[in-house]
Amino acid sequence: MASDEDGAFGLLWSQEERSARKARPALSLELIARSAIDIADAEGIPAVSMQRVAGDLGFTKMSLYRYVANKAELMAVMIDTAVGEPPGLDRVPGGWRPKMEEFVRLLAETWERHPWLPSVTVGNRVMGPNEIGWIDAAVSAFADTCLTGGERMATAFLLFAHIRNTQSTASAGTQPWTTEGSVAVTIGELMATHGARFPDLTRAMAETGGLLDDNGRRFGLDRIFDGIAGLIAQRERP
């Protein structure tokens, strides 16, 4: 019996498979994926089910099984459709750093449009051509540097992890290190009441100066990019 990964692989990478499943014009894999994405964007991933997607499209649940065998396959197609075409960084002038700044901007915008993406694009799973293309774009940005292939890959994964970690609290599942927020008790309120127990943290929070307004994303990116630049400069030094 084929595994969920086998089915997802065929859906994501076989153009013949995609074409064959478009035999019925009123329903298509693309239409199913877009409907599921709309549900996830509006209500979150838990709201997505085969039954819900079929109902929103005006079809029976059994109709969807001609295109996707289960929710795992549906999720795989949703992800690759939602991430969209990989960014074309070749047109960005100025070397690897401007290219990666643009990459980060586009990645953050994509995850903001689809807040469920950061949480589902982790773990061992089948990735589609669009998602692989994003990784390729990040790795390719360093093609003209002295970084090894492994270092370019590691840098790409480091940046993905940093953006995921500093994404909005709705998608990252963590509370921002700020003194304001919509949660019942903010960190600022906790420190006001219990700050004496954490004197160093209390003093540090009084001196953030806006550095944590984006969960430290900009600060972290600058440190990552500075470190990469330093490594490249060290190797290029005669």
C-alpha atoms as a PDB file:
ATOM      1  CA  MET A   1       0.000   0.000   0.000  1.00  0.00           C
ATOM      2  CA  ALA A   2       1.419   3.394  -0.938  1.00  0.00           C
ATOM      3  CA  SER A   3       2.389   5.693   1.912  1.00  0.00           C
ATOM      4  CA  ASP A   4       1.191   9.272   2.375  1.00  0.00           C
ATOM      5  CA  GLU A   5       4.651  10.457   1.276  1.00  0.00           C
ATOM      6  CA  ASP A   6       4.436   8.435  -1.941  1.00  0.00           C
ATOM      7  CA  GLY A   7       1.103  10.058  -2.763  1.00  0.00           C
ATOM      8  CA  ALA A   8       2.350  13.563  -1.960  1.00  0.00           C
ATOM      9  CA  PHE A   9       5.453  12.991  -4.089  1.00  0.00           C
ATOM     10  CA  GLY A  10       3.344  12.089  -7.103  1.00  0.00           C
ATOM     11  CA  LEU A  11       1.044  15.077  -6.664  1.00  0.00           C
ATOM     12  CA  LEU A  12       3.874  17.565  -6.265  1.00  0.00           C
ATOM     13  CA  TRP A  13       6.328  16.333  -8.870  1.00  0.00           C
ATOM     14  CA  SER A  14       4.380  14.508 -11.592  1.00  0.00           C
ATOM     15  CA  GLN A  15       3.002  16.899 -14.196  1.00  0.00           C
ATOM     16  CA  GLU A  16       1.309  13.937 -15.892  1.00  0.00           C
ATOM     17  CA  GLU A  17      -0.476  13.143 -12.640  1.00  0.00           C
ATOM     18  CA  ARG A  18      -1.681  16.732 -12.349  1.00  0.00           C
ATOM     19  CA  SER A  19      -2.898  16.820 -15.947  1.00  0.00           C
ATOM     20  CA  ALA A  20      -4.727  13.514 -15.636  1.00  0.00           C
ATOM     21  CA  ARG A  21      -6.638  14.762 -12.607  1.00  0.00           C
ATOM     22  CA  LYS A  22      -7.947  17.778 -14.470  1.00  0.00           C
ATOM     23  CA  ALA A  23     -10.266  15.652 -16.563  1.00  0.00           C
ATOM     24  CA  ARG A  24     -13.307  17.187 -14.913  1.00  0.00           C
ATOM     25  CA  PRO A  25     -13.227  20.932 -15.662  1.00  0.00           C
ATOM     26  CA  ALA A  26     -15.484  21.901 -12.742  1.00  0.00           C
ATOM     27  CA  LEU A  27     -12.984  20.556 -10.205  1.00  0.00           C
ATOM     28  CA  SER A  28      -9.195  20.533 -10.229  1.00  0.00           C
ATOM     29  CA  LEU A  29      -6.268  20.033  -7.907  1.00  0.00           C
ATOM     30  CA  GLU A  30      -5.526  23.758  -8.129  1.00  0.00           C
ATOM     31  CA  LEU A  31      -9.088  24.665  -7.173  1.00  0.00           C
ATOM     32  CA  ILE A  32      -9.030  22.273  -4.225  1.00  0.00           C
ATOM     33  CA  ALA A  33      -5.706  23.653  -3.002  1.00  0.00           C
ATOM     34  CA  ARG A  34      -6.857  27.268  -3.316  1.00  0.00           C
ATOM     35  CA  SER A  35     -10.051  26.555  -1.412  1.00  0.00           C
ATOM     36  CA  ALA A  36      -8.117  24.847   1.388  1.00  0.00           C
ATOM     37  CA  ILE A  37      -5.672  27.765   1.507  1.00  0.00           C
ATOM     38  CA  ASP A  38      -8.540  30.244   1.825  1.00  0.00           C
ATOM     39  CA  ILE A  39      -9.904  28.285   4.771  1.00  0.00           C
ATOM     40  CA  ALA A  40      -6.501  28.077   6.466  1.00  0.00           C
ATOM     41  CA  ASP A  41      -5.842  31.790   5.925  1.00  0.00           C
ATOM     42  CA  ALA A  42      -9.163  32.757   7.477  1.00  0.00           C
ATOM     43  CA  GLU A  43      -9.569  30.168  10.230  1.00  0.00           C
ATOM     44  CA  GLY A  44      -6.287  28.326  10.674  1.00  0.00           C
ATOM     45  CA  ILE A  45      -5.097  24.852   9.733  1.00  0.00           C
ATOM     46  CA  PRO A  46      -7.383  23.013  12.209  1.00  0.00           C
ATOM     47  CA  ALA A  47     -10.385  24.213  10.193  1.00  0.00           C
ATOM     48  CA  VAL A  48      -9.126  22.478   7.033  1.00  0.00           C
ATOM     49  CA  SER A  49     -10.608  19.069   6.315  1.00  0.00           C
ATOM     50  CA  MET A  50     -11.564  17.121   3.235  1.00  0.00           C
ATOM     51  CA  GLN A  51     -15.220  17.504   4.193  1.00  0.00           C
ATOM     52  CA  ARG A  52     -14.943  21.262   4.695  1.00  0.00           C
ATOM     53  CA  VAL A  53     -13.116  21.853   1.413  1.00  0.00           C
ATOM     54  CA  ALA A  54     -15.590  19.712  -0.499  1.00  0.00           C
ATOM     55  CA  GLY A  55     -18.504  21.558   1.071  1.00  0.00           C
ATOM     56  CA  ASP A  56     -17.076  24.988   0.271  1.00  0.00           C
ATOM     57  CA  LEU A  57     -16.605  23.932  -3.339  1.00  0.00           C
ATOM     58  CA  GLY A  58     -20.090  22.424  -3.596  1.00  0.00           C
ATOM     59  CA  PHE A  59     -18.881  18.865  -4.106  1.00  0.00           C
ATOM     60  CA  THR A  60     -19.045  15.686  -2.116  1.00  0.00           C
ATOM     61  CA  LYS A  61     -16.077  14.545  -0.064  1.00  0.00           C
ATOM     62  CA  MET A  62     -15.709  11.526  -2.350  1.00  0.00           C
ATOM     63  CA  SER A  63     -15.198  13.840  -5.327  1.00  0.00           C
ATOM     64  CA  LEU A  64     -11.969  15.146  -3.789  1.00  0.00           C
ATOM     65  CA  TYR A  65     -10.479  11.669  -3.544  1.00  0.00           C
ATOM     66  CA  ARG A  66     -10.004  11.643  -7.317  1.00  0.00           C
ATOM     67  CA  TYR A  67      -7.389  14.379  -6.748  1.00  0.00           C
ATOM     68  CA  VAL A  68      -6.027  13.946  -3.210  1.00  0.00           C
ATOM     69  CA  ALA A  69      -6.161  10.713  -1.236  1.00  0.00           C
ATOM     70  CA  ASN A  70      -6.088  12.246   2.242  1.00  0.00           C
ATOM     71  CA  LYS A  71      -5.357  15.387   4.238  1.00  0.00           C
ATOM     72  CA  ALA A  72      -1.595  14.749   4.165  1.00  0.00           C
ATOM     73  CA  GLU A  73      -1.608  14.989   0.376  1.00  0.00           C
ATOM     74  CA  LEU A  74      -3.876  18.014   0.540  1.00  0.00           C
ATOM     75  CA  MET A  75      -1.459  19.736   2.930  1.00  0.00           C
ATOM     76  CA  ALA A  76       1.490  19.027   0.631  1.00  0.00           C
ATOM     77  CA  VAL A  77      -0.271  20.645  -2.331  1.00  0.00           C
ATOM     78  CA  MET A  78      -1.515  23.527  -0.166  1.00  0.00           C
ATOM     79  CA  ILE A  79       2.020  24.349   0.962  1.00  0.00           C
ATOM     80  CA  ASP A  80       3.559  24.281  -2.496  1.00  0.00           C
ATOM     81  CA  THR A  81       0.704  26.355  -3.920  1.00  0.00           C
ATOM     82  CA  ALA A  82       0.780  28.893  -1.086  1.00  0.00           C
ATOM     83  CA  VAL A  83       4.542  29.520  -1.173  1.00  0.00           C
ATOM     84  CA  GLY A  84       4.224  30.342  -4.866  1.00  0.00           C
ATOM     85  CA  GLU A  85       6.934  30.826  -7.440  1.00  0.00           C
ATOM     86  CA  PRO A  86      10.459  31.130  -6.012  1.00  0.00           C
ATOM     87  CA  PRO A  87      11.917  34.655  -5.983  1.00  0.00           C
ATOM     88  CA  GLY A  88      14.105  35.694  -8.893  1.00  0.00           C
ATOM     89  CA  LEU A  89      17.091  37.230  -7.125  1.00  0.00           C
ATOM     90  CA  ASP A  90      19.333  37.511 -10.201  1.00  0.00           C
ATOM     91  CA  ARG A  91      17.857  40.923 -10.974  1.00  0.00           C
ATOM     92  CA  VAL A  92      18.822  42.291  -7.529  1.00  0.00           C
ATOM     93  CA  PRO A  93      22.109  44.226  -7.844  1.00  0.00           C
ATOM     94  CA  GLY A  94      24.852  44.571  -5.288  1.00  0.00           C
ATOM     95  CA  GLY A  95      25.936  41.071  -4.332  1.00  0.00           C
ATOM     96  CA  TRP A  96      24.670  38.465  -1.883  1.00  0.00           C
ATOM     97  CA  ARG A  97      23.564  40.777   0.913  1.00  0.00           C
ATOM     98  CA  PRO A  98      20.976  42.814  -1.050  1.00  0.00           C
ATOM     99  CA  LYS A  99      19.784  39.560  -2.601  1.00  0.00           C
ATOM    100  CA  MET A 100      19.235  38.012   0.806  1.00  0.00           C
ATOM    101  CA  GLU A 101      17.543  41.149   2.129  1.00  0.00           C
ATOM    102  CA  GLU A 102      15.061  40.828  -0.734  1.00  0.00           C
ATOM    103  CA  PHE A 103      14.712  37.104  -0.082  1.00  0.00           C
ATOM    104  CA  VAL A 104      13.880  37.717   3.578  1.00  0.00           C
ATOM    105  CA  ARG A 105      11.376  40.431   2.672  1.00  0.00           C
ATOM    106  CA  LEU A 106       9.553  38.177   0.218  1.00  0.00           C
ATOM    107  CA  LEU A 107       9.590  35.198   2.569  1.00  0.00           C
ATOM    108  CA  ALA A 108       8.159  37.280   5.414  1.00  0.00           C
ATOM    109  CA  GLU A 109       5.436  38.661   3.142  1.00  0.00           C
ATOM    110  CA  THR A 110       4.496  35.144   2.034  1.00  0.00           C
ATOM    111  CA  TRP A 111       4.269  33.908   5.609  1.00  0.00           C
ATOM    112  CA  GLU A 112       2.244  36.972   6.606  1.00  0.00           C
ATOM    113  CA  ARG A 113      -0.252  36.247   3.803  1.00  0.00           C
ATOM    114  CA  HIS A 114      -0.479  32.645   4.978  1.00  0.00           C
ATOM    115  CA  PRO A 115       0.192  32.667   8.759  1.00  0.00           C
ATOM    116  CA  TRP A 116      -0.117  28.876   8.980  1.00  0.00           C
ATOM    117  CA  LEU A 117       2.894  28.219   6.734  1.00  0.00           C
ATOM    118  CA  PRO A 118       5.668  28.550   9.353  1.00  0.00           C
ATOM    119  CA  SER A 119       4.136  25.865  11.554  1.00  0.00           C
ATOM    120  CA  VAL A 120       3.504  23.316   8.786  1.00  0.00           C
ATOM    121  CA  THR A 121       6.795  23.709   6.893  1.00  0.00           C
ATOM    122  CA  VAL A 122       8.812  21.853   9.508  1.00  0.00           C
ATOM    123  CA  GLY A 123       9.595  18.212  10.068  1.00  0.00           C
ATOM    124  CA  ASN A 124      10.285  15.313   7.750  1.00  0.00           C
ATOM    125  CA  ARG A 125       7.962  15.525   4.755  1.00  0.00           C
ATOM    126  CA  VAL A 126       7.848  15.741   0.968  1.00  0.00           C
ATOM    127  CA  MET A 127       8.560  19.221  -0.391  1.00  0.00           C
ATOM    128  CA  GLY A 128       7.311  20.402  -3.767  1.00  0.00           C
ATOM    129  CA  PRO A 129       9.120  22.214  -6.586  1.00  0.00           C
ATOM    130  CA  ASN A 130       8.088  25.695  -5.468  1.00  0.00           C
ATOM    131  CA  GLU A 131       9.324  25.166  -1.917  1.00  0.00           C
ATOM    132  CA  ILE A 132      12.554  23.581  -3.130  1.00  0.00           C
ATOM    133  CA  GLY A 133      12.916  26.555  -5.478  1.00  0.00           C
ATOM    134  CA  TRP A 134      12.896  28.965  -2.519  1.00  0.00           C
ATOM    135  CA  ILE A 135      15.773  27.069  -0.927  1.00  0.00           C
ATOM    136  CA  ASP A 136      17.606  27.037  -4.250  1.00  0.00           C
ATOM    137  CA  ALA A 137      17.161  30.806  -4.563  1.00  0.00           C
ATOM    138  CA  ALA A 138      18.717  31.375  -1.146  1.00  0.00           C
ATOM    139  CA  VAL A 139      21.630  29.045  -1.864  1.00  0.00           C
ATOM    140  CA  SER A 140      22.175  30.601  -5.307  1.00  0.00           C
ATOM    141  CA  ALA A 141      22.495  34.084  -3.799  1.00  0.00           C
ATOM    142  CA  PHE A 142      25.898  33.019  -2.435  1.00  0.00           C
ATOM    143  CA  ALA A 143      27.090  31.401  -5.684  1.00  0.00           C
ATOM    144  CA  ASP A 144      29.759  34.052  -6.300  1.00  0.00           C
ATOM    145  CA  THR A 145      31.202  33.872  -2.790  1.00  0.00           C
ATOM    146  CA  CYS A 146      33.894  31.635  -1.340  1.00  0.00           C
ATOM    147  CA  LEU A 147      31.421  29.785   0.842  1.00  0.00           C
ATOM    148  CA  THR A 148      31.301  26.045   0.339  1.00  0.00           C
ATOM    149  CA  GLY A 149      28.113  24.323  -0.762  1.00  0.00           C
ATOM    150  CA  GLY A 150      27.503  23.082   2.758  1.00  0.00           C
ATOM    151  CA  GLU A 151      27.987  26.567   4.209  1.00  0.00           C
ATOM    152  CA  ARG A 152      25.584  28.060   1.681  1.00  0.00           C
ATOM    153  CA  MET A 153      22.985  25.438   2.627  1.00  0.00           C
ATOM    154  CA  ALA A 154      23.550  26.039   6.331  1.00  0.00           C
ATOM    155  CA  THR A 155      23.182  29.789   5.835  1.00  0.00           C
ATOM    156  CA  ALA A 156      19.891  29.314   3.995  1.00  0.00           C
ATOM    157  CA  PHE A 157      18.492  27.101   6.763  1.00  0.00           C
ATOM    158  CA  LEU A 158      19.725  29.533   9.410  1.00  0.00           C
ATOM    159  CA  LEU A 159      17.817  32.368   7.743  1.00  0.00           C
ATOM    160  CA  PHE A 160      14.649  30.284   7.379  1.00  0.00           C
ATOM    161  CA  ALA A 161      14.862  29.408  11.073  1.00  0.00           C
ATOM    162  CA  HIS A 162      15.420  33.023  12.122  1.00  0.00           C
ATOM    163  CA  ILE A 163      12.461  34.324  10.126  1.00  0.00           C
ATOM    164  CA  ARG A 164      10.264  31.520  11.460  1.00  0.00           C
ATOM    165  CA  ASN A 165      11.372  32.208  15.030  1.00  0.00           C
ATOM    166  CA  THR A 166      10.654  35.945  14.760  1.00  0.00           C
ATOM    167  CA  GLN A 167       7.427  35.653  12.795  1.00  0.00           C
ATOM    168  CA  SER A 168       4.250  37.065  14.342  1.00  0.00           C
ATOM    169  CA  THR A 169       3.074  35.439  17.536  1.00  0.00           C
ATOM    170  CA  ALA A 170      -0.009  34.047  15.775  1.00  0.00           C
ATOM    171  CA  SER A 171       2.172  31.813  13.613  1.00  0.00           C
ATOM    172  CA  ALA A 172       5.204  31.312  15.828  1.00  0.00           C
ATOM    173  CA  GLY A 173       3.250  30.419  18.954  1.00  0.00           C
ATOM    174  CA  THR A 174       5.377  32.571  21.229  1.00  0.00           C
ATOM    175  CA  GLN A 175       4.806  35.796  23.084  1.00  0.00           C
ATOM    176  CA  PRO A 176       6.790  38.820  21.887  1.00  0.00           C
ATOM    177  CA  TRP A 177       9.314  40.315  24.278  1.00  0.00           C
ATOM    178  CA  THR A 178       7.525  43.614  24.519  1.00  0.00           C
ATOM    179  CA  THR A 179       5.690  45.411  27.271  1.00  0.00           C
ATOM    180  CA  GLU A 180       2.428  45.644  25.354  1.00  0.00           C
ATOM    181  CA  GLY A 181       0.174  43.030  23.868  1.00  0.00           C
ATOM    182  CA  SER A 182      -3.265  41.490  23.674  1.00  0.00           C
ATOM    183  CA  VAL A 183      -2.503  38.527  25.940  1.00  0.00           C
ATOM    184  CA  ALA A 184      -4.104  38.481  29.381  1.00  0.00           C
ATOM    185  CA  VAL A 185      -0.863  39.318  31.200  1.00  0.00           C
ATOM    186  CA  THR A 186       2.001  40.937  29.295  1.00  0.00           C
ATOM    187  CA  ILE A 187       5.644  40.443  30.182  1.00  0.00           C
ATOM    188  CA  GLY A 188       5.769  44.113  31.158  1.00  0.00           C
ATOM    189  CA  GLU A 189       2.991  43.575  33.674  1.00  0.00           C
ATOM    190  CA  LEU A 190       4.710  40.498  35.051  1.00  0.00           C
ATOM    191  CA  MET A 191       7.940  42.401  35.510  1.00  0.00           C
ATOM    192  CA  ALA A 192       6.098  45.261  37.191  1.00  0.00           C
ATOM    193  CA  THR A 193       4.799  42.797  39.757  1.00  0.00           C
ATOM    194  CA  HIS A 194       7.637  40.307  40.010  1.00  0.00           C
ATOM    195  CA  GLY A 195      10.593  42.250  38.604  1.00  0.00           C
ATOM    196  CA  ALA A 196      12.554  42.024  41.837  1.00  0.00           C
ATOM    197  CA  ARG A 197      12.983  38.299  41.187  1.00  0.00           C
ATOM    198  CA  PHE A 198      14.519  38.998  37.763  1.00  0.00           C
ATOM    199  CA  PRO A 199      16.578  42.182  38.151  1.00  0.00           C
ATOM    200  CA  ASP A 200      18.765  41.760  35.057  1.00  0.00           C
ATOM    201  CA  LEU A 201      15.773  41.065  32.798  1.00  0.00           C
ATOM    202  CA  THR A 202      13.884  44.018  34.259  1.00  0.00           C
ATOM    203  CA  ARG A 203      16.798  46.368  33.560  1.00  0.00           C
ATOM    204  CA  ALA A 204      17.281  44.937  30.069  1.00  0.00           C
ATOM    205  CA  MET A 205      13.616  45.409  29.190  1.00  0.00           C
ATOM    206  CA  ALA A 206      13.829  49.046  30.212  1.00  0.00           C
ATOM    207  CA  GLU A 207      16.575  49.534  27.625  1.00  0.00           C
ATOM    208  CA  THR A 208      15.171  47.716  24.577  1.00  0.00           C
ATOM    209  CA  GLY A 209      14.784  50.929  22.579  1.00  0.00           C
ATOM    210  CA  GLY A 210      12.509  49.287  20.035  1.00  0.00           C
ATOM    211  CA  LEU A 211      14.933  46.434  19.286  1.00  0.00           C
ATOM    212  CA  LEU A 212      12.284  43.872  20.157  1.00  0.00           C
ATOM    213  CA  ASP A 213       9.351  45.450  18.334  1.00  0.00           C
ATOM    214  CA  ASP A 214       9.895  42.875  15.578  1.00  0.00           C
ATOM    215  CA  ASN A 215      10.837  40.097  18.024  1.00  0.00           C
ATOM    216  CA  GLY A 216      14.480  40.917  17.334  1.00  0.00           C
ATOM    217  CA  ARG A 217      14.295  40.045  13.639  1.00  0.00           C
ATOM    218  CA  ARG A 218      16.266  43.016  12.302  1.00  0.00           C
ATOM    219  CA  PHE A 219      18.935  42.742  14.998  1.00  0.00           C
ATOM    220  CA  GLY A 220      19.340  39.028  14.332  1.00  0.00           C
ATOM    221  CA  LEU A 221      19.506  39.456  10.562  1.00  0.00           C
ATOM    222  CA  ASP A 222      22.202  42.106  10.868  1.00  0.00           C
ATOM    223  CA  ARG A 223      24.272  39.839  13.127  1.00  0.00           C
ATOM    224  CA  ILE A 224      23.835  36.856  10.790  1.00  0.00           C
ATOM    225  CA  PHE A 225      24.745  38.897   7.718  1.00  0.00           C
ATOM    226  CA  ASP A 226      27.695  40.553   9.498  1.00  0.00           C
ATOM    227  CA  GLY A 227      29.002  37.144  10.515  1.00  0.00           C
ATOM    228  CA  ILE A 228      28.734  35.795   6.971  1.00  0.00           C
ATOM    229  CA  ALA A 229      30.421  38.912   5.592  1.00  0.00           C
ATOM    230  CA  GLY A 230      33.205  38.517   8.137  1.00  0.00           C
ATOM    231  CA  LEU A 231      33.786  34.889   7.153  1.00  0.00           C
ATOM    232  CA  ILE A 232      33.908  35.764   3.455  1.00  0.00           C
ATOM    233  CA  ALA A 233      36.277  38.684   4.070  1.00  0.00           C
ATOM    234  CA  GLN A 234      38.558  36.494   6.192  1.00  0.00           C
ATOM    235  CA  ARG A 235      38.847  33.899   3.460  1.00  0.00           C
ATOM    236  CA  GLU A 236      39.394  36.441   0.723  1.00  0.00           C
ATOM    237  CA  ARG A 237      42.118  38.224   2.672  1.00  0.00           C
ATOM    238  CA  PRO A 238      45.561  37.582   1.112  1.00  0.00           C
END
